[in-house]
Amino acid sequence: MSDPDRLRRARQPRTLGFAWIFSTALATVTVSSLATAVEPPAPVWKITERIAAPSHALYDADTQTIFVSQISGEGDEKDGIGVISRISVAGKMQDSDWVNRLDAPKGLARTGKTLWVSDIDRVHEIDIATGEIPRCHEIPGARFLTGVAARRDGRVYVADMLTSTIHALHEGRPTVFQQGGFLESPAGLCVDQNRLVVAAWGLTTDYTTKVPGKFYLLDGRTPQALSNPLGNLYGVVSDGARGWIGSDFSSGRIFHLTEQREPRVLLELEAGVGGIEFIREQNLLIVPELTANRISAYDLSHQLKPKSQ
């Protein structure tokens, strides 16, 4: 297949096989005990052209760029049509195929001049200046790598949802950081000083869940719950003010989390929300919508006021 043919196929809207496999138990999950937000605002901007199953977004302040991982095909298929795109903060596509020939890229994190990307059972190192991939790390035993988070010392963490494992990468060497059912199939990760904030899908080996996942802090082996079971949680990012914003793939809800109070629903969007990003300087939430083949941006000034106000 020629490169134009490959990229054309990558841009055809496709349904992710795992995206529609939900436990019937999720139908009974309610948010009646949660404080809900007002009617969601219209997006500041949205992009649908040359977007196919966007999974995660990451803002790079140095280049004023939003990186977006696009699965483009099936979430667990090694088909070589996944890409990393670059989008401006104003919502303009800068380069839809900045890095291509990936399989099913998902989680994103940055250390220094390197962009880290999870891709089923591997983690790619991408040179931000050139878009080249100087190194690719195979993760032993991995089945479905999702969220990625990085510490300032260069240590990188990556979640494997289907094996309920959090792996670590340091100086090119992958190790198992934590593993077991107590992790509840981690999907999203965020570094908080010496802790990890985790968005759990709900324990699974095939995408279905009997018990919905919750948000929790991980410091050592014992998770500290930030919420009750809520849904198929997929992403979590810092709000820049001692709290976090998380996403629920199955319901499209966006939550605000703190250690002091129960989660609050900020937005209720369509099902299929991916790994979100928050640009605090603009109170701008970047939302990849996997099943809608869309990337949207929402101003959270009214829902999430900066601490200084």
C-alpha atoms as a PDB file:
ATOM      1  CA  MET A   1       0.000   0.000   0.000  1.00  0.00           C
ATOM      2  CA  SER A   2       1.396   3.423  -0.955  1.00  0.00           C
ATOM      3  CA  ASP A   3       1.774   6.145   1.646  1.00  0.00           C
ATOM      4  CA  PRO A   4      -1.132   8.222   0.221  1.00  0.00           C
ATOM      5  CA  ASP A   5      -3.375   5.148   0.242  1.00  0.00           C
ATOM      6  CA  ARG A   6      -2.321   4.288   3.787  1.00  0.00           C
ATOM      7  CA  LEU A   7      -3.028   7.779   5.079  1.00  0.00           C
ATOM      8  CA  ARG A   8      -6.330   7.961   3.190  1.00  0.00           C
ATOM      9  CA  ARG A   9      -7.478   4.740   4.859  1.00  0.00           C
ATOM     10  CA  ALA A  10      -6.308   6.099   8.204  1.00  0.00           C
ATOM     11  CA  ARG A  11      -8.630   9.074   7.852  1.00  0.00           C
ATOM     12  CA  GLN A  12     -11.778   7.045   7.199  1.00  0.00           C
ATOM     13  CA  PRO A  13     -14.005   7.069  10.329  1.00  0.00           C
ATOM     14  CA  ARG A  14     -13.878   3.635  11.917  1.00  0.00           C
ATOM     15  CA  THR A  15     -15.430   2.150  15.011  1.00  0.00           C
ATOM     16  CA  LEU A  16     -12.993   0.944  17.633  1.00  0.00           C
ATOM     17  CA  GLY A  17     -13.948  -2.598  18.505  1.00  0.00           C
ATOM     18  CA  PHE A  18     -13.319  -2.147  22.231  1.00  0.00           C
ATOM     19  CA  ALA A  19     -15.168   1.166  22.369  1.00  0.00           C
ATOM     20  CA  TRP A  20     -18.563  -0.465  22.361  1.00  0.00           C
ATOM     21  CA  ILE A  21     -17.850  -3.303  24.806  1.00  0.00           C
ATOM     22  CA  PHE A  22     -19.259  -2.156  28.122  1.00  0.00           C
ATOM     23  CA  SER A  23     -20.430  -4.116  31.112  1.00  0.00           C
ATOM     24  CA  THR A  24     -24.187  -4.089  31.638  1.00  0.00           C
ATOM     25  CA  ALA A  25     -23.377  -3.065  35.181  1.00  0.00           C
ATOM     26  CA  LEU A  26     -22.494   0.403  33.887  1.00  0.00           C
ATOM     27  CA  ALA A  27     -26.133   0.986  33.068  1.00  0.00           C
ATOM     28  CA  THR A  28     -26.831   1.090  36.796  1.00  0.00           C
ATOM     29  CA  VAL A  29     -24.141   3.664  37.593  1.00  0.00           C
ATOM     30  CA  THR A  30     -25.645   7.021  38.491  1.00  0.00           C
ATOM     31  CA  VAL A  31     -24.291  10.399  39.539  1.00  0.00           C
ATOM     32  CA  SER A  32     -27.211  11.369  41.744  1.00  0.00           C
ATOM     33  CA  SER A  33     -24.860  11.848  44.686  1.00  0.00           C
ATOM     34  CA  LEU A  34     -22.485  14.064  42.717  1.00  0.00           C
ATOM     35  CA  ALA A  35     -22.723  17.804  42.312  1.00  0.00           C
ATOM     36  CA  THR A  36     -23.419  18.345  38.610  1.00  0.00           C
ATOM     37  CA  ALA A  37     -22.422  21.236  36.403  1.00  0.00           C
ATOM     38  CA  VAL A  38     -24.653  23.639  34.515  1.00  0.00           C
ATOM     39  CA  GLU A  39     -25.511  23.118  30.863  1.00  0.00           C
ATOM     40  CA  PRO A  40     -22.196  22.472  29.088  1.00  0.00           C
ATOM     41  CA  PRO A  41     -20.906  25.437  27.105  1.00  0.00           C
ATOM     42  CA  ALA A  42     -20.432  25.358  23.370  1.00  0.00           C
ATOM     43  CA  PRO A  43     -16.883  24.389  22.463  1.00  0.00           C
ATOM     44  CA  VAL A  44     -14.423  27.209  21.850  1.00  0.00           C
ATOM     45  CA  TRP A  45     -13.344  25.253  18.801  1.00  0.00           C
ATOM     46  CA  LYS A  46     -13.547  21.777  17.368  1.00  0.00           C
ATOM     47  CA  ILE A  47     -11.698  19.857  14.667  1.00  0.00           C
ATOM     48  CA  THR A  48     -13.131  17.003  12.647  1.00  0.00           C
ATOM     49  CA  GLU A  49     -11.136  17.145   9.409  1.00  0.00           C
ATOM     50  CA  ARG A  50      -8.363  14.520   9.241  1.00  0.00           C
ATOM     51  CA  ILE A  51      -9.272  13.249  12.688  1.00  0.00           C
ATOM     52  CA  ALA A  52      -9.787   9.503  13.239  1.00  0.00           C
ATOM     53  CA  ALA A  53     -10.154   8.028  16.725  1.00  0.00           C
ATOM     54  CA  PRO A  54      -8.118  10.621  18.663  1.00  0.00           C
ATOM     55  CA  SER A  55      -7.047   9.070  21.963  1.00  0.00           C
ATOM     56  CA  HIS A  56      -4.964  11.544  23.994  1.00  0.00           C
ATOM     57  CA  ALA A  57      -3.876  15.183  23.910  1.00  0.00           C
ATOM     58  CA  LEU A  58      -0.806  16.865  25.417  1.00  0.00           C
ATOM     59  CA  TYR A  59       0.000  20.579  25.503  1.00  0.00           C
ATOM     60  CA  ASP A  60       3.614  21.651  24.960  1.00  0.00           C
ATOM     61  CA  ALA A  61       4.103  25.172  26.310  1.00  0.00           C
ATOM     62  CA  ASP A  62       7.541  25.557  24.696  1.00  0.00           C
ATOM     63  CA  THR A  63       6.193  25.154  21.163  1.00  0.00           C
ATOM     64  CA  GLN A  64       2.619  26.319  21.900  1.00  0.00           C
ATOM     65  CA  THR A  65       1.489  23.058  20.317  1.00  0.00           C
ATOM     66  CA  ILE A  66      -1.073  20.432  21.252  1.00  0.00           C
ATOM     67  CA  PHE A  67       0.058  16.913  20.366  1.00  0.00           C
ATOM     68  CA  VAL A  68      -2.773  14.481  19.623  1.00  0.00           C
ATOM     69  CA  SER A  69      -2.432  10.710  19.275  1.00  0.00           C
ATOM     70  CA  GLN A  70      -4.773   9.270  16.644  1.00  0.00           C
ATOM     71  CA  ILE A  71      -5.412   5.534  16.659  1.00  0.00           C
ATOM     72  CA  SER A  72      -7.025   5.770  13.212  1.00  0.00           C
ATOM     73  CA  GLY A  73      -7.993   2.073  13.209  1.00  0.00           C
ATOM     74  CA  GLU A  74      -8.649  -0.469  15.955  1.00  0.00           C
ATOM     75  CA  GLY A  75      -7.322   0.207  19.433  1.00  0.00           C
ATOM     76  CA  ASP A  76      -5.427  -3.088  19.650  1.00  0.00           C
ATOM     77  CA  GLU A  77      -4.485  -3.690  16.015  1.00  0.00           C
ATOM     78  CA  LYS A  78      -0.934  -3.412  14.656  1.00  0.00           C
ATOM     79  CA  ASP A  79      -1.918  -1.850  11.335  1.00  0.00           C
ATOM     80  CA  GLY A  80       0.668   0.929  10.924  1.00  0.00           C
ATOM     81  CA  ILE A  81      -1.894   3.694  10.343  1.00  0.00           C
ATOM     82  CA  GLY A  82      -1.714   5.475  13.704  1.00  0.00           C
ATOM     83  CA  VAL A  83      -0.348   9.029  13.770  1.00  0.00           C
ATOM     84  CA  ILE A  84       0.635  11.890  16.052  1.00  0.00           C
ATOM     85  CA  SER A  85      -0.788  15.248  14.974  1.00  0.00           C
ATOM     86  CA  ARG A  86       0.114  18.807  15.928  1.00  0.00           C
ATOM     87  CA  ILE A  87      -2.633  21.362  16.582  1.00  0.00           C
ATOM     88  CA  SER A  88      -2.374  25.035  17.561  1.00  0.00           C
ATOM     89  CA  VAL A  89      -3.937  26.300  20.777  1.00  0.00           C
ATOM     90  CA  ALA A  90      -6.333  28.246  18.545  1.00  0.00           C
ATOM     91  CA  GLY A  91      -7.637  24.972  17.114  1.00  0.00           C
ATOM     92  CA  LYS A  92      -5.880  24.951  13.749  1.00  0.00           C
ATOM     93  CA  MET A  93      -4.406  21.754  12.361  1.00  0.00           C
ATOM     94  CA  GLN A  94      -0.675  22.323  11.917  1.00  0.00           C
ATOM     95  CA  ASP A  95       0.426  18.862  10.832  1.00  0.00           C
ATOM     96  CA  SER A  96      -2.012  15.955  10.841  1.00  0.00           C
ATOM     97  CA  ASP A  97       0.681  13.354  10.089  1.00  0.00           C
ATOM     98  CA  TRP A  98       3.629  14.780  12.009  1.00  0.00           C
ATOM     99  CA  VAL A  99       4.604  11.248  13.063  1.00  0.00           C
ATOM    100  CA  ASN A 100       3.053   8.357  11.153  1.00  0.00           C
ATOM    101  CA  ARG A 101       3.342   4.591  10.648  1.00  0.00           C
ATOM    102  CA  LEU A 102       2.473   3.928  14.296  1.00  0.00           C
ATOM    103  CA  ASP A 103      -0.075   1.275  15.241  1.00  0.00           C
ATOM    104  CA  ALA A 104      -2.553   2.444  17.897  1.00  0.00           C
ATOM    105  CA  PRO A 105      -0.864   5.368  19.715  1.00  0.00           C
ATOM    106  CA  LYS A 106      -2.549   6.509  22.916  1.00  0.00           C
ATOM    107  CA  GLY A 107      -0.903   8.039  26.012  1.00  0.00           C
ATOM    108  CA  LEU A 108       1.447  11.035  25.737  1.00  0.00           C
ATOM    109  CA  ALA A 109       4.020  12.586  28.076  1.00  0.00           C
ATOM    110  CA  ARG A 110       7.053  14.832  27.727  1.00  0.00           C
ATOM    111  CA  THR A 111      10.484  14.941  29.341  1.00  0.00           C
ATOM    112  CA  GLY A 112      12.908  17.549  28.043  1.00  0.00           C
ATOM    113  CA  LYS A 113      12.974  17.379  24.255  1.00  0.00           C
ATOM    114  CA  THR A 114      11.327  13.953  24.099  1.00  0.00           C
ATOM    115  CA  LEU A 115       7.693  13.023  23.552  1.00  0.00           C
ATOM    116  CA  TRP A 116       6.770   9.603  24.954  1.00  0.00           C
ATOM    117  CA  VAL A 117       3.940   7.690  23.270  1.00  0.00           C
ATOM    118  CA  SER A 118       2.360   4.373  24.258  1.00  0.00           C
ATOM    119  CA  ASP A 119       1.517   2.032  21.377  1.00  0.00           C
ATOM    120  CA  ILE A 120      -0.170  -1.281  22.338  1.00  0.00           C
ATOM    121  CA  ASP A 121       2.914  -3.069  23.745  1.00  0.00           C
ATOM    122  CA  ARG A 122       5.646  -0.495  23.082  1.00  0.00           C
ATOM    123  CA  VAL A 123       6.626   3.009  24.125  1.00  0.00           C
ATOM    124  CA  HIS A 124       8.138   5.313  21.508  1.00  0.00           C
ATOM    125  CA  GLU A 125      10.591   8.131  22.176  1.00  0.00           C
ATOM    126  CA  ILE A 126       9.957  10.930  19.679  1.00  0.00           C
ATOM    127  CA  ASP A 127      12.360  13.823  19.142  1.00  0.00           C
ATOM    128  CA  ILE A 128      10.109  16.878  19.368  1.00  0.00           C
ATOM    129  CA  ALA A 129      12.445  18.974  17.202  1.00  0.00           C
ATOM    130  CA  THR A 130      12.547  16.530  14.284  1.00  0.00           C
ATOM    131  CA  GLY A 131       9.591  14.162  14.686  1.00  0.00           C
ATOM    132  CA  GLU A 132      11.954  11.211  14.413  1.00  0.00           C
ATOM    133  CA  ILE A 133      11.816   8.113  16.638  1.00  0.00           C
ATOM    134  CA  PRO A 134      15.343   7.368  17.868  1.00  0.00           C
ATOM    135  CA  ARG A 135      14.247   4.627  20.281  1.00  0.00           C
ATOM    136  CA  CYS A 136      11.316   2.300  20.813  1.00  0.00           C
ATOM    137  CA  HIS A 137      10.939   0.276  24.022  1.00  0.00           C
ATOM    138  CA  GLU A 138       9.188  -3.079  24.057  1.00  0.00           C
ATOM    139  CA  ILE A 139       7.271  -3.569  27.312  1.00  0.00           C
ATOM    140  CA  PRO A 140       7.398  -7.271  28.304  1.00  0.00           C
ATOM    141  CA  GLY A 141       3.953  -8.780  28.840  1.00  0.00           C
ATOM    142  CA  ALA A 142       2.069  -5.636  27.826  1.00  0.00           C
ATOM    143  CA  ARG A 143      -1.271  -6.025  26.021  1.00  0.00           C
ATOM    144  CA  PHE A 144      -2.974  -2.617  25.895  1.00  0.00           C
ATOM    145  CA  LEU A 145      -0.830   0.337  26.966  1.00  0.00           C
ATOM    146  CA  THR A 146      -2.768   3.539  27.549  1.00  0.00           C
ATOM    147  CA  GLY A 147      -1.884   6.501  29.786  1.00  0.00           C
ATOM    148  CA  VAL A 148       1.671   7.803  30.139  1.00  0.00           C
ATOM    149  CA  ALA A 149       3.072  10.156  32.792  1.00  0.00           C
ATOM    150  CA  ALA A 150       6.584  11.441  33.444  1.00  0.00           C
ATOM    151  CA  ARG A 151       8.513  12.715  36.452  1.00  0.00           C
ATOM    152  CA  ARG A 152      11.014  15.542  36.343  1.00  0.00           C
ATOM    153  CA  ASP A 153      13.876  13.100  36.867  1.00  0.00           C
ATOM    154  CA  GLY A 154      13.029  11.447  33.547  1.00  0.00           C
ATOM    155  CA  ARG A 155      11.261   8.384  34.908  1.00  0.00           C
ATOM    156  CA  VAL A 156       8.243   7.493  32.770  1.00  0.00           C
ATOM    157  CA  TYR A 157       5.179   5.511  33.842  1.00  0.00           C
ATOM    158  CA  VAL A 158       2.782   3.750  31.493  1.00  0.00           C
ATOM    159  CA  ALA A 159      -0.489   1.974  32.285  1.00  0.00           C
ATOM    160  CA  ASP A 160      -1.456  -1.401  30.829  1.00  0.00           C
ATOM    161  CA  MET A 161      -5.205  -1.658  31.166  1.00  0.00           C
ATOM    162  CA  LEU A 162      -5.701  -5.312  30.243  1.00  0.00           C
ATOM    163  CA  THR A 163      -3.021  -6.676  32.606  1.00  0.00           C
ATOM    164  CA  SER A 164      -3.782  -4.213  35.439  1.00  0.00           C
ATOM    165  CA  THR A 165      -0.158  -3.093  35.518  1.00  0.00           C
ATOM    166  CA  ILE A 166       1.776   0.144  35.775  1.00  0.00           C
ATOM    167  CA  HIS A 167       5.196  -0.107  34.136  1.00  0.00           C
ATOM    168  CA  ALA A 168       8.145   2.235  34.641  1.00  0.00           C
ATOM    169  CA  LEU A 169      10.820   3.242  32.144  1.00  0.00           C
ATOM    170  CA  HIS A 170      14.089   4.666  33.424  1.00  0.00           C
ATOM    171  CA  GLU A 171      17.288   5.056  31.452  1.00  0.00           C
ATOM    172  CA  GLY A 172      15.844   2.834  28.750  1.00  0.00           C
ATOM    173  CA  ARG A 173      15.013  -0.073  31.049  1.00  0.00           C
ATOM    174  CA  PRO A 174      11.371  -1.148  31.534  1.00  0.00           C
ATOM    175  CA  THR A 175      10.312  -2.554  34.911  1.00  0.00           C
ATOM    176  CA  VAL A 176       7.022  -3.399  36.591  1.00  0.00           C
ATOM    177  CA  PHE A 177       6.197  -0.594  39.005  1.00  0.00           C
ATOM    178  CA  GLN A 178       2.945  -2.060  40.368  1.00  0.00           C
ATOM    179  CA  GLN A 179       0.745  -4.935  39.247  1.00  0.00           C
ATOM    180  CA  GLY A 180      -2.435  -6.568  40.470  1.00  0.00           C
ATOM    181  CA  GLY A 181      -6.195  -6.429  40.631  1.00  0.00           C
ATOM    182  CA  PHE A 182      -6.021  -3.730  43.310  1.00  0.00           C
ATOM    183  CA  LEU A 183      -5.034  -1.291  40.520  1.00  0.00           C
ATOM    184  CA  GLU A 184      -8.449  -1.906  38.875  1.00  0.00           C
ATOM    185  CA  SER A 185      -7.044  -1.802  35.319  1.00  0.00           C
ATOM    186  CA  PRO A 186      -5.360   1.626  35.266  1.00  0.00           C
ATOM    187  CA  ALA A 187      -5.984   3.639  32.106  1.00  0.00           C
ATOM    188  CA  GLY A 188      -4.973   7.245  32.870  1.00  0.00           C
ATOM    189  CA  LEU A 189      -1.946   8.467  34.839  1.00  0.00           C
ATOM    190  CA  CYS A 190      -0.818  11.812  36.219  1.00  0.00           C
ATOM    191  CA  VAL A 191       2.307  12.507  38.297  1.00  0.00           C
ATOM    192  CA  ASP A 192       1.677  14.438  41.514  1.00  0.00           C
ATOM    193  CA  GLN A 193       5.022  15.019  43.260  1.00  0.00           C
ATOM    194  CA  ASN A 194       6.005  11.521  44.438  1.00  0.00           C
ATOM    195  CA  ARG A 195       2.548  10.056  43.845  1.00  0.00           C
ATOM    196  CA  LEU A 196       0.576   8.886  40.860  1.00  0.00           C
ATOM    197  CA  VAL A 197      -3.003   9.921  40.249  1.00  0.00           C
ATOM    198  CA  VAL A 198      -4.769   7.075  38.482  1.00  0.00           C
ATOM    199  CA  ALA A 199      -7.961   6.860  36.428  1.00  0.00           C
ATOM    200  CA  ALA A 200      -9.051   3.217  36.531  1.00  0.00           C
ATOM    201  CA  TRP A 201     -11.197   1.614  33.838  1.00  0.00           C
ATOM    202  CA  GLY A 202     -12.502  -1.026  36.247  1.00  0.00           C
ATOM    203  CA  LEU A 203     -10.825  -4.408  36.511  1.00  0.00           C
ATOM    204  CA  THR A 204     -10.914  -6.139  33.142  1.00  0.00           C
ATOM    205  CA  THR A 205      -9.061  -8.443  30.789  1.00  0.00           C
ATOM    206  CA  ASP A 206     -11.379  -7.899  27.791  1.00  0.00           C
ATOM    207  CA  TYR A 207     -12.651  -4.291  28.204  1.00  0.00           C
ATOM    208  CA  THR A 208     -15.852  -5.359  30.006  1.00  0.00           C
ATOM    209  CA  THR A 209     -16.221  -4.583  33.697  1.00  0.00           C
ATOM    210  CA  LYS A 210     -18.332  -5.904  36.546  1.00  0.00           C
ATOM    211  CA  VAL A 211     -17.412  -3.014  38.846  1.00  0.00           C
ATOM    212  CA  PRO A 212     -16.809   0.489  37.439  1.00  0.00           C
ATOM    213  CA  GLY A 213     -13.442   2.118  37.970  1.00  0.00           C
ATOM    214  CA  LYS A 214     -12.575   4.976  40.286  1.00  0.00           C
ATOM    215  CA  PHE A 215      -9.952   7.692  40.625  1.00  0.00           C
ATOM    216  CA  TYR A 216      -7.243   7.148  43.239  1.00  0.00           C
ATOM    217  CA  LEU A 217      -3.828   8.247  44.457  1.00  0.00           C
ATOM    218  CA  LEU A 218      -1.024   5.705  44.455  1.00  0.00           C
ATOM    219  CA  ASP A 219       1.850   6.216  46.882  1.00  0.00           C
ATOM    220  CA  GLY A 220       3.407   2.837  47.505  1.00  0.00           C
ATOM    221  CA  ARG A 221       1.134  -0.173  47.135  1.00  0.00           C
ATOM    222  CA  THR A 222      -2.064   1.013  48.813  1.00  0.00           C
ATOM    223  CA  PRO A 223      -4.377   3.189  46.665  1.00  0.00           C
ATOM    224  CA  GLN A 224      -6.078   6.151  48.330  1.00  0.00           C
ATOM    225  CA  ALA A 225      -9.516   6.575  46.760  1.00  0.00           C
ATOM    226  CA  LEU A 226     -10.468   9.973  45.350  1.00  0.00           C
ATOM    227  CA  SER A 227     -13.933   8.776  44.327  1.00  0.00           C
ATOM    228  CA  ASN A 228     -16.411   5.942  44.494  1.00  0.00           C
ATOM    229  CA  PRO A 229     -16.705   3.691  41.419  1.00  0.00           C
ATOM    230  CA  LEU A 230     -17.824   5.995  38.606  1.00  0.00           C
ATOM    231  CA  GLY A 231     -17.360   4.405  35.181  1.00  0.00           C
ATOM    232  CA  ASN A 232     -14.755   3.436  32.585  1.00  0.00           C
ATOM    233  CA  LEU A 233     -12.312   6.169  33.573  1.00  0.00           C
ATOM    234  CA  TYR A 234      -9.706   6.941  30.919  1.00  0.00           C
ATOM    235  CA  GLY A 235      -7.826  10.188  31.531  1.00  0.00           C
ATOM    236  CA  VAL A 236      -6.644  12.430  34.366  1.00  0.00           C
ATOM    237  CA  VAL A 237      -4.648  15.686  34.381  1.00  0.00           C
ATOM    238  CA  SER A 238      -3.657  18.322  36.923  1.00  0.00           C
ATOM    239  CA  ASP A 239      -5.815  21.429  37.200  1.00  0.00           C
ATOM    240  CA  GLY A 240      -2.717  23.374  38.280  1.00  0.00           C
ATOM    241  CA  ALA A 241      -4.229  24.185  41.668  1.00  0.00           C
ATOM    242  CA  ARG A 242      -3.979  21.077  43.868  1.00  0.00           C
ATOM    243  CA  GLY A 243      -6.722  19.231  42.065  1.00  0.00           C
ATOM    244  CA  TRP A 244      -7.271  17.119  38.968  1.00  0.00           C
ATOM    245  CA  ILE A 245      -9.632  16.802  36.026  1.00  0.00           C
ATOM    246  CA  GLY A 246     -10.653  13.328  34.891  1.00  0.00           C
ATOM    247  CA  SER A 247     -12.648  11.752  32.081  1.00  0.00           C
ATOM    248  CA  ASP A 248     -15.094   8.857  31.868  1.00  0.00           C
ATOM    249  CA  PHE A 249     -14.969   7.146  28.491  1.00  0.00           C
ATOM    250  CA  SER A 250     -18.292   5.342  28.844  1.00  0.00           C
ATOM    251  CA  SER A 251     -20.469   8.306  29.832  1.00  0.00           C
ATOM    252  CA  GLY A 252     -18.591  11.323  28.498  1.00  0.00           C
ATOM    253  CA  ARG A 253     -18.512  12.970  31.912  1.00  0.00           C
ATOM    254  CA  ILE A 254     -15.668  15.276  32.930  1.00  0.00           C
ATOM    255  CA  PHE A 255     -14.957  15.393  36.679  1.00  0.00           C
ATOM    256  CA  HIS A 256     -13.113  17.730  39.008  1.00  0.00           C
ATOM    257  CA  LEU A 257     -11.274  15.959  41.829  1.00  0.00           C
ATOM    258  CA  THR A 258      -9.609  17.017  45.054  1.00  0.00           C
ATOM    259  CA  GLU A 259      -8.522  15.232  48.212  1.00  0.00           C
ATOM    260  CA  GLN A 260     -10.921  17.318  50.307  1.00  0.00           C
ATOM    261  CA  ARG A 261     -14.299  16.699  48.636  1.00  0.00           C
ATOM    262  CA  GLU A 262     -16.242  14.298  46.462  1.00  0.00           C
ATOM    263  CA  PRO A 263     -15.890  14.578  42.669  1.00  0.00           C
ATOM    264  CA  ARG A 264     -17.882  17.249  40.882  1.00  0.00           C
ATOM    265  CA  VAL A 265     -19.165  16.882  37.326  1.00  0.00           C
ATOM    266  CA  LEU A 266     -17.875  19.753  35.189  1.00  0.00           C
ATOM    267  CA  LEU A 267     -19.226  18.689  31.809  1.00  0.00           C
ATOM    268  CA  GLU A 268     -21.425  15.985  30.383  1.00  0.00           C
ATOM    269  CA  LEU A 269     -20.370  15.213  26.813  1.00  0.00           C
ATOM    270  CA  GLU A 270     -20.915  12.343  24.387  1.00  0.00           C
ATOM    271  CA  ALA A 271     -19.621   8.893  25.272  1.00  0.00           C
ATOM    272  CA  GLY A 272     -16.161   8.107  23.957  1.00  0.00           C
ATOM    273  CA  VAL A 273     -14.093  10.807  25.702  1.00  0.00           C
ATOM    274  CA  GLY A 274     -10.366  10.069  25.668  1.00  0.00           C
ATOM    275  CA  GLY A 275      -7.286  11.294  27.519  1.00  0.00           C
ATOM    276  CA  ILE A 276      -7.936  14.991  28.155  1.00  0.00           C
ATOM    277  CA  GLU A 277      -5.522  17.910  28.550  1.00  0.00           C
ATOM    278  CA  PHE A 278      -5.959  21.161  30.510  1.00  0.00           C
ATOM    279  CA  ILE A 279      -4.193  24.434  29.644  1.00  0.00           C
ATOM    280  CA  ARG A 280      -4.488  26.335  32.882  1.00  0.00           C
ATOM    281  CA  GLU A 281      -3.363  29.720  31.523  1.00  0.00           C
ATOM    282  CA  GLN A 282      -6.469  29.769  29.347  1.00  0.00           C
ATOM    283  CA  ASN A 283      -8.725  27.512  31.463  1.00  0.00           C
ATOM    284  CA  LEU A 284      -8.970  25.474  28.271  1.00  0.00           C
ATOM    285  CA  LEU A 285      -9.870  21.787  28.352  1.00  0.00           C
ATOM    286  CA  ILE A 286      -8.814  19.790  25.284  1.00  0.00           C
ATOM    287  CA  VAL A 287     -11.073  16.778  24.705  1.00  0.00           C
ATOM    288  CA  PRO A 288     -10.244  13.994  22.227  1.00  0.00           C
ATOM    289  CA  GLU A 289     -13.512  12.257  21.313  1.00  0.00           C
ATOM    290  CA  LEU A 290     -12.581   8.807  20.053  1.00  0.00           C
ATOM    291  CA  THR A 291     -15.890   7.557  18.755  1.00  0.00           C
ATOM    292  CA  ALA A 292     -16.994  10.932  17.330  1.00  0.00           C
ATOM    293  CA  ASN A 293     -13.695  11.430  15.448  1.00  0.00           C
ATOM    294  CA  ARG A 294     -13.418  14.933  16.862  1.00  0.00           C
ATOM    295  CA  ILE A 295     -11.218  17.108  19.064  1.00  0.00           C
ATOM    296  CA  SER A 296     -12.966  19.850  21.020  1.00  0.00           C
ATOM    297  CA  ALA A 297     -11.839  22.627  23.356  1.00  0.00           C
ATOM    298  CA  TYR A 298     -13.945  23.971  26.250  1.00  0.00           C
ATOM    299  CA  ASP A 299     -13.462  27.104  28.329  1.00  0.00           C
ATOM    300  CA  LEU A 300     -13.840  26.080  31.984  1.00  0.00           C
ATOM    301  CA  SER A 301     -13.626  29.597  33.418  1.00  0.00           C
ATOM    302  CA  HIS A 302     -17.063  29.320  35.005  1.00  0.00           C
ATOM    303  CA  GLN A 303     -16.883  25.636  35.952  1.00  0.00           C
ATOM    304  CA  LEU A 304     -13.358  25.705  37.333  1.00  0.00           C
ATOM    305  CA  LYS A 305     -12.209  29.096  38.575  1.00  0.00           C
ATOM    306  CA  PRO A 306      -8.473  29.606  39.137  1.00  0.00           C
ATOM    307  CA  LYS A 307      -7.426  29.558  42.780  1.00  0.00           C
ATOM    308  CA  SER A 308      -6.338  33.185  42.620  1.00  0.00           C
ATOM    309  CA  GLN A 309      -9.889  34.336  41.854  1.00  0.00           C
END
